[in-house]
Protein backbone atom coordinates (compact mmCIF):
# COMPACT_ATOMS: atom_id res chain seq x y z
CA UNK A 1 3.76 -25.67 13.58
CA UNK A 2 5.14 -22.83 15.71
CA UNK A 3 7.28 -20.13 14.06
CA UNK A 4 11.06 -20.27 14.53
CA UNK A 5 12.47 -18.54 17.60
CA UNK A 6 14.76 -16.38 15.53
CA UNK A 7 14.97 -14.78 12.07
CA UNK A 8 17.09 -11.94 10.77
CA UNK A 9 14.13 -10.25 9.06
CA UNK A 10 10.46 -10.64 9.94
CA UNK A 11 7.85 -9.35 7.49
CA UNK A 12 4.45 -8.73 9.09
CA UNK A 13 1.68 -9.25 6.55
CA UNK A 14 1.17 -12.03 4.04
CA UNK A 15 -0.64 -10.05 1.36
CA UNK A 16 0.65 -9.09 -2.06
CA UNK A 17 2.97 -6.39 -0.68
CA UNK A 18 4.44 -8.54 2.09
CA UNK A 19 5.08 -11.47 -0.23
CA UNK A 20 6.49 -9.19 -2.96
CA UNK A 21 8.88 -7.65 -0.43
CA UNK A 22 9.96 -11.12 0.72
CA UNK A 23 10.62 -12.17 -2.88
CA UNK A 24 12.48 -8.96 -3.71
CA UNK A 25 14.71 -9.15 -0.62
CA UNK A 26 15.50 -12.81 -1.23
CA UNK A 27 16.32 -12.10 -4.87
CA UNK A 28 18.68 -9.37 -3.67
CA UNK A 29 20.55 -11.92 -1.56
CA UNK A 30 19.02 -11.39 1.88
CA UNK A 31 18.77 -14.59 3.94
CA UNK A 32 16.83 -15.75 6.99
CA UNK A 33 13.50 -14.08 6.15
CA UNK A 34 10.23 -15.01 7.85
CA UNK A 35 6.76 -13.81 6.76
CA UNK A 36 4.04 -13.76 9.43
CA UNK A 37 0.34 -13.67 8.56
CA UNK A 38 -2.38 -13.60 11.20
CA UNK A 39 -4.96 -15.31 8.98
CA UNK A 40 -4.84 -19.02 8.20
CA UNK A 41 -3.87 -18.35 4.58
CA UNK A 42 -1.94 -15.75 2.64
CA UNK A 43 -3.76 -13.00 0.71
CA UNK A 44 -6.80 -13.32 2.96
CA UNK A 45 -7.50 -9.68 3.80
CA UNK A 46 -7.08 -6.49 1.71
CA UNK A 47 -5.37 -8.37 -1.13
CA UNK A 48 -8.35 -10.68 -1.57
CA UNK A 49 -10.67 -7.67 -1.86
CA UNK A 50 -8.76 -5.95 -4.68
CA UNK A 51 -9.85 -5.62 -8.30
CA UNK A 52 -6.32 -6.35 -9.58
CA UNK A 53 -6.08 -3.53 -12.13
CA UNK A 54 -2.56 -2.80 -13.37
CA UNK A 55 -2.31 0.65 -14.93
CA UNK A 56 1.10 2.11 -15.64
CA UNK A 57 -0.06 5.52 -16.90
CA UNK A 58 0.61 7.93 -14.04
CA UNK A 59 1.35 11.59 -13.47
CA UNK A 60 5.07 11.27 -12.67
CA UNK A 61 7.92 9.44 -14.37
CA UNK A 62 8.89 7.75 -11.10
CA UNK A 63 5.42 6.29 -10.59
CA UNK A 64 5.28 5.09 -14.20
CA UNK A 65 8.63 3.34 -13.87
CA UNK A 66 7.60 1.70 -10.58
CA UNK A 67 4.51 0.27 -12.24
CA UNK A 68 6.42 -0.71 -15.38
CA UNK A 69 8.69 -2.77 -13.13
CA UNK A 70 5.64 -4.44 -11.61
CA UNK A 71 4.14 -5.25 -15.02
CA UNK A 72 7.43 -6.72 -16.24
CA UNK A 73 7.64 -8.80 -13.07
CA UNK A 74 4.12 -10.12 -13.59
CA UNK A 75 5.00 -11.05 -17.16
CA UNK A 76 8.15 -12.84 -16.00
CA UNK A 77 6.28 -14.75 -13.30
CA UNK A 78 3.60 -15.69 -15.81
CA UNK A 79 6.23 -17.15 -18.12
CA UNK A 80 8.57 -18.77 -15.60
CA UNK A 81 6.81 -19.53 -12.32
CA UNK A 82 4.93 -22.80 -11.80
CA UNK A 83 2.51 -20.74 -9.68
CA UNK A 84 0.87 -18.48 -12.27
CA UNK A 85 -0.06 -14.95 -11.16
CA UNK A 86 -2.95 -15.04 -13.67
CA UNK A 87 -1.54 -11.96 -15.39
CA UNK A 88 -3.52 -10.81 -18.41
CA UNK A 89 -1.73 -8.23 -20.55
CA UNK A 90 -4.90 -7.08 -22.27
CA UNK A 91 -4.11 -3.36 -22.43
CA UNK A 92 -6.14 -0.47 -21.07
CA UNK A 93 -8.11 2.54 -22.25
CA UNK A 94 -8.42 5.79 -20.35
CA UNK A 95 -11.10 8.01 -21.85
CA UNK A 96 -11.99 11.70 -21.69
CA UNK A 97 -15.47 13.25 -21.81
CA UNK A 98 -14.42 16.89 -21.42
CA UNK A 99 -11.72 19.19 -22.75
CA UNK A 100 -9.95 19.42 -19.38
CA UNK A 101 -9.65 15.63 -19.33
CA UNK A 102 -8.18 15.69 -22.84
CA UNK A 103 -5.47 18.01 -21.57
CA UNK A 104 -4.83 15.61 -18.69
CA UNK A 105 -4.50 12.66 -21.09
CA UNK A 106 -2.01 14.63 -23.20
CA UNK A 107 0.06 15.36 -20.11
CA UNK A 108 -0.11 11.72 -19.05
CA UNK A 109 1.08 10.65 -22.50
CA UNK A 110 4.01 13.07 -22.28
CA UNK A 111 5.00 11.53 -18.93
CA UNK A 112 4.63 8.03 -20.38
CA UNK A 113 6.83 8.98 -23.35
CA UNK A 114 9.50 10.29 -21.01
CA UNK A 115 9.40 7.07 -18.98
CA UNK A 116 9.56 4.87 -22.07
CA UNK A 117 6.00 3.51 -21.73
CA UNK A 118 4.19 2.88 -25.01
CA UNK A 119 0.85 4.69 -25.32
CA UNK A 120 -1.19 6.13 -28.17
CA UNK A 121 -4.40 8.00 -28.79
CA UNK A 122 -7.00 5.99 -30.69
CA UNK A 123 -10.38 6.97 -32.13
CA UNK A 124 -13.76 5.74 -30.91
CA UNK A 125 -14.17 3.24 -33.73
CA UNK A 126 -10.93 1.52 -32.71
CA UNK A 127 -12.01 1.66 -29.06
CA UNK A 128 -15.30 -0.06 -29.90
CA UNK A 129 -13.36 -2.78 -31.73
CA UNK A 130 -11.49 -3.40 -28.49
CA UNK A 131 -14.66 -3.36 -26.32
CA UNK A 132 -17.67 -4.12 -28.58
CA UNK A 133 -20.29 -3.88 -25.79
CA UNK A 134 -19.18 -0.39 -24.81
CA UNK A 135 -20.73 2.61 -26.58
CA UNK A 136 -17.97 5.17 -25.87
CA UNK A 137 -20.80 7.70 -25.90
CA UNK A 138 -19.52 11.26 -25.58
CA UNK A 139 -15.88 10.18 -25.51
CA UNK A 140 -13.66 12.96 -26.87
CA UNK A 141 -10.32 11.15 -26.54
CA UNK A 142 -9.05 7.68 -25.63
CA UNK A 143 -5.51 6.87 -24.52
CA UNK A 144 -4.46 3.27 -25.20
CA UNK A 145 -1.69 1.49 -23.27
CA UNK A 146 -1.13 -1.99 -24.74
CA UNK A 147 1.07 -3.31 -21.91
CA UNK A 148 -1.46 -2.65 -19.12
CA UNK A 149 -3.82 -5.32 -17.88
CA UNK A 150 -5.04 -7.01 -14.74
CA UNK A 151 -3.98 -9.77 -12.40
CA UNK A 152 -5.77 -12.05 -9.97
CA UNK A 153 -4.53 -10.78 -6.57
CA UNK A 154 -4.65 -14.15 -4.80
CA UNK A 155 -2.79 -15.90 -7.61
CA UNK A 156 -0.17 -13.15 -7.74
CA UNK A 157 0.48 -13.45 -4.01
CA UNK A 158 0.84 -17.23 -4.27
CA UNK A 159 3.28 -16.74 -7.14
CA UNK A 160 5.43 -14.36 -5.07
CA UNK A 161 5.33 -16.80 -2.15
CA UNK A 162 6.31 -19.78 -4.30
CA UNK A 163 9.30 -17.95 -5.76
CA UNK A 164 10.30 -16.64 -2.32
CA UNK A 165 10.18 -20.15 -0.83
CA UNK A 166 12.59 -21.34 -3.54
CA UNK A 167 15.02 -18.71 -2.22
CA UNK A 168 14.67 -19.86 1.37
CA UNK A 169 11.95 -17.55 2.73
CA UNK A 170 9.79 -19.12 5.44
CA UNK A 171 6.11 -18.41 5.91
CA UNK A 172 3.95 -18.80 9.00
CA UNK A 173 0.19 -18.27 8.83
CA UNK A 174 -2.20 -18.16 11.76
CA UNK A 175 0.35 -16.21 13.83
CA UNK A 176 -1.03 -13.00 15.31
CA UNK A 177 1.47 -10.27 16.24
CA UNK A 178 0.88 -8.63 19.61
CA UNK A 179 3.90 -6.36 19.99
CA UNK A 180 7.49 -5.49 19.17
CA UNK A 181 10.54 -5.86 21.42
CA UNK A 182 13.04 -3.02 21.45
CA UNK A 183 16.53 -2.90 22.90
CA UNK A 184 18.45 0.37 23.02
CA UNK A 185 16.04 2.04 20.60
CA UNK A 186 16.22 -0.62 17.92
CA UNK A 187 14.24 -3.71 16.98
CA UNK A 188 15.14 -6.81 18.99
CA UNK A 189 12.18 -9.11 18.39
CA UNK A 190 8.51 -9.54 17.79
CA UNK A 191 5.82 -10.97 20.03
CA UNK A 192 3.17 -13.34 18.65
CA UNK A 193 0.44 -15.51 20.12
CA UNK A 194 2.68 -18.48 19.34
CA UNK A 195 5.79 -17.20 21.04
CA UNK A 196 8.41 -14.49 20.68
CA UNK A 197 10.80 -14.30 17.75
CA UNK A 198 14.18 -12.60 17.97
CA UNK A 199 14.97 -10.50 14.91
CA UNK A 200 17.04 -7.56 13.74
CA UNK A 201 14.53 -6.10 11.35
CA UNK A 202 10.76 -5.90 11.12
CA UNK A 203 9.11 -4.91 7.85
CA UNK A 204 5.62 -3.53 8.35
CA UNK A 205 3.48 -4.76 5.45
CA UNK A 206 0.42 -5.13 7.67
CA UNK A 207 -2.00 -3.30 5.37
CA UNK A 208 -4.98 -1.98 7.32
CA UNK A 209 -3.05 -2.69 10.55
CA UNK A 210 0.11 -0.85 9.46
CA UNK A 211 -0.72 2.13 11.66
CA UNK A 212 -1.19 -0.05 14.75
CA UNK A 213 2.09 -1.90 14.28
CA UNK A 214 4.03 1.34 13.78
CA UNK A 215 2.29 2.94 16.74
CA UNK A 216 3.34 0.03 18.96
CA UNK A 217 6.95 1.25 18.68
CA UNK A 218 6.06 4.93 19.06
CA UNK A 219 5.92 5.85 15.37
CA UNK A 220 2.77 7.78 14.45
CA UNK A 221 1.95 7.54 10.75
CA UNK A 222 -1.17 8.86 8.97
CA UNK A 223 -2.31 5.60 7.40
CA UNK A 224 -6.09 5.41 7.07
CA UNK A 225 -8.23 2.47 5.91
CA UNK A 226 -10.81 3.80 3.42
CA UNK A 227 -13.72 1.71 2.20
CA UNK A 228 -13.75 0.55 -1.41
CA UNK A 229 -16.39 -1.51 -3.20
CA UNK A 230 -16.91 -3.07 -6.61
CA UNK A 231 -19.34 -5.58 -8.07
CA UNK A 232 -19.21 -8.42 -10.57
CA UNK A 233 -22.22 -9.25 -12.74
CA UNK A 234 -23.54 -12.62 -13.78
CA UNK A 235 -22.17 -14.04 -17.03
CA UNK A 236 -22.75 -11.90 -20.09
CA UNK A 237 -22.60 -12.98 -23.72
CA UNK A 238 -19.85 -11.13 -25.57
CA UNK A 239 -17.65 -10.64 -22.51
CA UNK A 240 -14.30 -12.39 -22.62
CA UNK A 241 -11.25 -12.22 -20.34
CA UNK A 242 -9.20 -10.73 -23.19
CA UNK A 243 -11.07 -7.40 -23.13
CA UNK A 244 -8.96 -4.42 -22.01
CA UNK A 245 -9.44 -2.52 -18.78
CA UNK A 246 -11.35 0.74 -19.29
CA UNK A 247 -11.05 3.72 -16.96
CA UNK A 248 -13.74 6.39 -17.24
CA UNK A 249 -12.47 9.14 -14.92
CA UNK A 250 -15.23 11.65 -15.66
CA UNK A 251 -17.71 9.11 -14.27
CA UNK A 252 -15.35 7.97 -11.47
CA UNK A 253 -15.51 4.33 -12.59
CA UNK A 254 -13.41 1.53 -14.02
CA UNK A 255 -14.55 -1.55 -15.93
CA UNK A 256 -12.93 -4.85 -16.79
CA UNK A 257 -13.97 -8.37 -17.63
CA UNK A 258 -13.97 -11.06 -14.97
CA UNK A 259 -13.91 -14.26 -17.05
CA UNK A 260 -17.31 -13.93 -18.78
CA UNK A 261 -18.69 -11.28 -16.42
CA UNK A 262 -18.30 -7.52 -16.03
CA UNK A 263 -16.49 -6.02 -13.06
CA UNK A 264 -17.40 -2.43 -12.19
CA UNK A 265 -15.74 -0.33 -9.50
CA UNK A 266 -15.05 3.29 -8.79
CA UNK A 267 -14.40 6.10 -6.36
CA UNK A 268 -17.30 7.46 -4.37
CA UNK A 269 -17.48 11.15 -3.57
CA UNK A 270 -18.38 10.67 0.10
CA UNK A 271 -15.75 8.23 1.32
CA UNK A 272 -15.87 6.30 4.59
CA UNK A 273 -12.72 5.72 6.63
CA UNK A 274 -11.97 4.09 9.95
CA UNK A 275 -9.92 5.60 12.76
CA UNK A 276 -7.06 3.11 13.22
CA UNK A 277 -6.55 4.36 16.78
CA UNK A 278 -9.83 2.68 17.74
CA UNK A 279 -8.83 -0.78 16.46
CA UNK A 280 -6.16 -2.60 18.50
CA UNK A 281 -3.29 -4.45 16.84
CA UNK A 282 -4.80 -7.70 18.07
CA UNK A 283 -8.31 -6.77 16.90
CA UNK A 284 -10.28 -6.90 13.66
CA UNK A 285 -11.24 -4.21 11.20
CA UNK A 286 -14.96 -3.34 11.12
CA UNK A 287 -17.01 -5.50 8.80
CA UNK A 288 -17.83 -3.67 5.58
CA UNK A 289 -21.53 -3.91 4.86
CA UNK A 290 -22.76 -3.54 1.30
CA UNK A 291 -23.60 0.08 0.61
CA UNK A 292 -26.28 -0.13 -2.04
CA UNK A 293 -26.25 3.61 -2.64
CA UNK A 294 -22.62 3.34 -3.69
CA UNK A 295 -23.28 0.27 -5.81
CA UNK A 296 -26.21 2.03 -7.46
CA UNK A 297 -23.93 5.01 -8.14
CA UNK A 298 -21.47 2.70 -9.90
CA UNK A 299 -24.23 1.02 -11.90
CA UNK A 300 -25.80 4.30 -12.99
CA UNK A 301 -22.47 5.74 -14.05
CA UNK A 302 -21.50 2.73 -16.14
CA UNK A 303 -24.94 2.33 -17.78
CA UNK A 304 -24.47 4.94 -20.58
CA UNK A 305 -21.26 3.20 -21.64
CA UNK A 306 -22.35 -0.42 -21.13
CA UNK A 307 -26.15 -0.53 -21.65
CA UNK A 308 -26.26 -4.31 -21.21
CA UNK A 309 -25.42 -3.79 -17.53
CA UNK A 310 -29.13 -2.98 -17.00
CA UNK A 311 -30.02 -6.56 -17.91
CA UNK A 312 -27.49 -8.26 -15.66
CA UNK A 313 -27.79 -9.31 -12.06
CA UNK A 314 -24.98 -8.96 -9.54
CA UNK A 315 -23.13 -12.16 -8.76
CA UNK A 316 -20.57 -10.86 -6.29
CA UNK A 317 -19.80 -7.72 -4.27
CA UNK A 318 -16.27 -7.10 -3.05
CA UNK A 319 -15.52 -4.64 -0.27
CA UNK A 320 -12.55 -3.86 1.90
CA UNK A 321 -10.25 -1.34 3.56
CA UNK A 322 -7.32 -0.28 1.34
CA UNK A 323 -5.13 2.30 3.07
CA UNK A 324 -4.55 5.90 2.03
CA UNK A 325 -2.07 8.56 3.12
CA UNK A 326 -2.67 12.34 3.13
CA UNK A 327 -0.09 12.96 0.39
CA UNK A 328 -1.08 9.95 -1.75
CA UNK A 329 2.40 8.40 -1.61
CA UNK A 330 3.64 5.04 -0.40
CA UNK A 331 5.48 4.83 2.92
CA UNK A 332 8.64 2.84 2.22
CA UNK A 333 11.88 2.53 4.14
CA UNK A 334 13.47 2.36 7.58
CA UNK A 335 12.46 4.76 10.31
CA UNK A 336 15.25 6.85 11.78
CA UNK A 337 13.35 6.84 15.09
CA UNK A 338 13.51 3.05 15.58
CA UNK A 339 16.39 1.30 13.84
CA UNK A 340 15.37 -1.93 12.21
CA UNK A 341 11.71 -0.90 11.85
CA UNK A 342 10.90 -0.66 8.14
CA UNK A 343 7.70 0.45 6.44
CA UNK A 344 6.06 -1.02 3.34
CA UNK A 345 2.55 0.43 3.53
CA UNK A 346 0.17 3.26 2.77
CA UNK A 347 -0.46 1.86 -0.69
CA UNK A 348 -3.26 4.22 -1.81
CA UNK A 349 -5.03 1.43 -3.72
CA UNK A 350 -1.82 0.53 -5.60
CA UNK A 351 -0.93 -2.45 -3.42
CA UNK A 352 -1.47 -5.04 -6.15
CA UNK A 353 -0.29 -3.10 -9.20
CA UNK A 354 2.63 -1.59 -7.32
CA UNK A 355 3.65 -4.62 -5.28
CA UNK A 356 6.71 -5.63 -7.27
CA UNK A 357 7.80 -2.00 -7.59
CA UNK A 358 7.35 -1.51 -3.85
CA UNK A 359 9.55 -4.52 -3.25
CA UNK A 360 12.19 -3.14 -5.57
CA UNK A 361 12.17 0.29 -3.92
CA UNK A 362 12.29 -1.23 -0.46
CA UNK A 363 15.41 -3.15 -1.46
CA UNK A 364 16.87 0.08 -2.81
CA UNK A 365 16.11 1.91 0.44
CA UNK A 366 17.82 -0.78 2.53
CA UNK A 367 20.75 -1.86 0.37
CA UNK A 368 21.79 1.06 -1.84
CA UNK A 369 24.19 3.48 -0.19
CA UNK A 370 22.49 6.41 -1.92
CA UNK A 371 18.84 5.68 -2.82
CA UNK A 372 17.17 7.78 -5.50
CA UNK A 373 15.46 11.05 -4.50
CA UNK A 374 12.10 9.40 -5.22
CA UNK A 375 12.75 6.53 -2.80
CA UNK A 376 14.03 8.92 -0.16
CA UNK A 377 10.82 10.90 -0.65
CA UNK A 378 8.79 7.84 0.43
CA UNK A 379 10.48 7.54 3.83
CA UNK A 380 8.31 7.33 6.96
CA UNK A 381 10.47 10.13 8.35
CA UNK A 382 8.53 12.64 6.26
CA UNK A 383 5.81 12.44 8.91
CA UNK A 384 8.12 13.07 11.87
CA UNK A 385 7.02 16.69 12.19
CA UNK A 386 3.81 17.98 13.67
CA UNK A 387 0.70 17.05 11.74
CA UNK A 388 -2.96 17.25 12.67
CA UNK A 389 -4.76 13.92 12.88
CA UNK A 390 -8.17 15.13 11.70
CA UNK A 391 -6.68 17.15 8.85
CA UNK A 392 -4.57 14.19 7.74
CA UNK A 393 -7.61 11.92 7.77
CA UNK A 394 -9.59 14.38 5.64
CA UNK A 395 -6.73 14.61 3.15
CA UNK A 396 -6.40 10.80 2.98
CA UNK A 397 -10.12 10.49 2.27
CA UNK A 398 -9.81 13.20 -0.37
CA UNK A 399 -7.05 11.17 -2.02
CA UNK A 400 -9.61 8.41 -2.39
CA UNK A 401 -12.46 10.66 -3.49
CA UNK A 402 -10.32 12.50 -6.06
CA UNK A 403 -8.53 9.39 -7.34
CA UNK A 404 -9.76 10.24 -10.83
CA UNK A 405 -9.91 13.96 -10.17
CA UNK A 406 -8.49 16.50 -12.58
CA UNK A 407 -5.18 18.10 -11.50
CA UNK A 408 -5.40 21.67 -10.26
């Protein structure tokens, strides 16, 4: 089936962010929305490669509230939608192995308190009750957030899409975008391999191709795909899907259950990024080969906390290209350079956990007459000035490498 020849709003990208934006806009009353996805199914690219962690504890009140909105949305979809997002509100632990990390956890708790997010410090005995196969060796403090959890990214995306369809949103998969039509400096349509579509607004939720789509209309944005990997073990006795997520920042790793297996991921110190200028909009991202040095790094770092990991084989390795920006913030909102061209990208590995919040803030940026200072701060216009490509790429990679870094 070919896509319609006209839609008021076209969303490019059928991952979690694109589908969340479609759902949020439709809930806000917007009509005539079309989502285009170049793959044959939704959630087939970066979304499918995500670990699905949902952590609301962040360093600013605005970020905490964005993620609280996402978590509440996941809970609502879990209760009300016939397409379950597979949301598990199992809680999370963030642990400290050094005094500086304890100070960070105290600051994070203060921010959470200000935002209205429930957290508490618990002792190691209580932590071991929550995760019996984890030693919590050398842990000096543990911050518990009972409303955190994890979601299955594919299921979440299908849940967004199902709810959006109820509100009239159309979806077209297998439609590859090749360009954007402008008229008088504003969006007039979009070109695909299945024909052109007239539209008044394009929302760029193209993930690892967000740079290319923006560049096609003359908007240069520092959005860099950075490699991320995690592995899932074979089944392990004592592992259940109800176990909380555990973040171990001093070892640069995170751990959660995956049904009856253990999922281990983290942030490598020598990150690998691609130059989006070398990949055409109509092309494909480079294939990510397994990097066994990185996987060994993850395994070695988790071993002191989960000794049983040494006895388990690897069942699955996930790898992909989440995008990072040099300032670590989302890029959300309409560009003043090209009217009708709207960004919903640069997710900095928060695309799943932040998807509902991104949708909410995008609606705010488009519909509210006076968006909040935080939403204004996410505008693509912040990159209108001169910036150095190589420096921006280094900073984006550093955002990845220092994801669990201590604040300076």
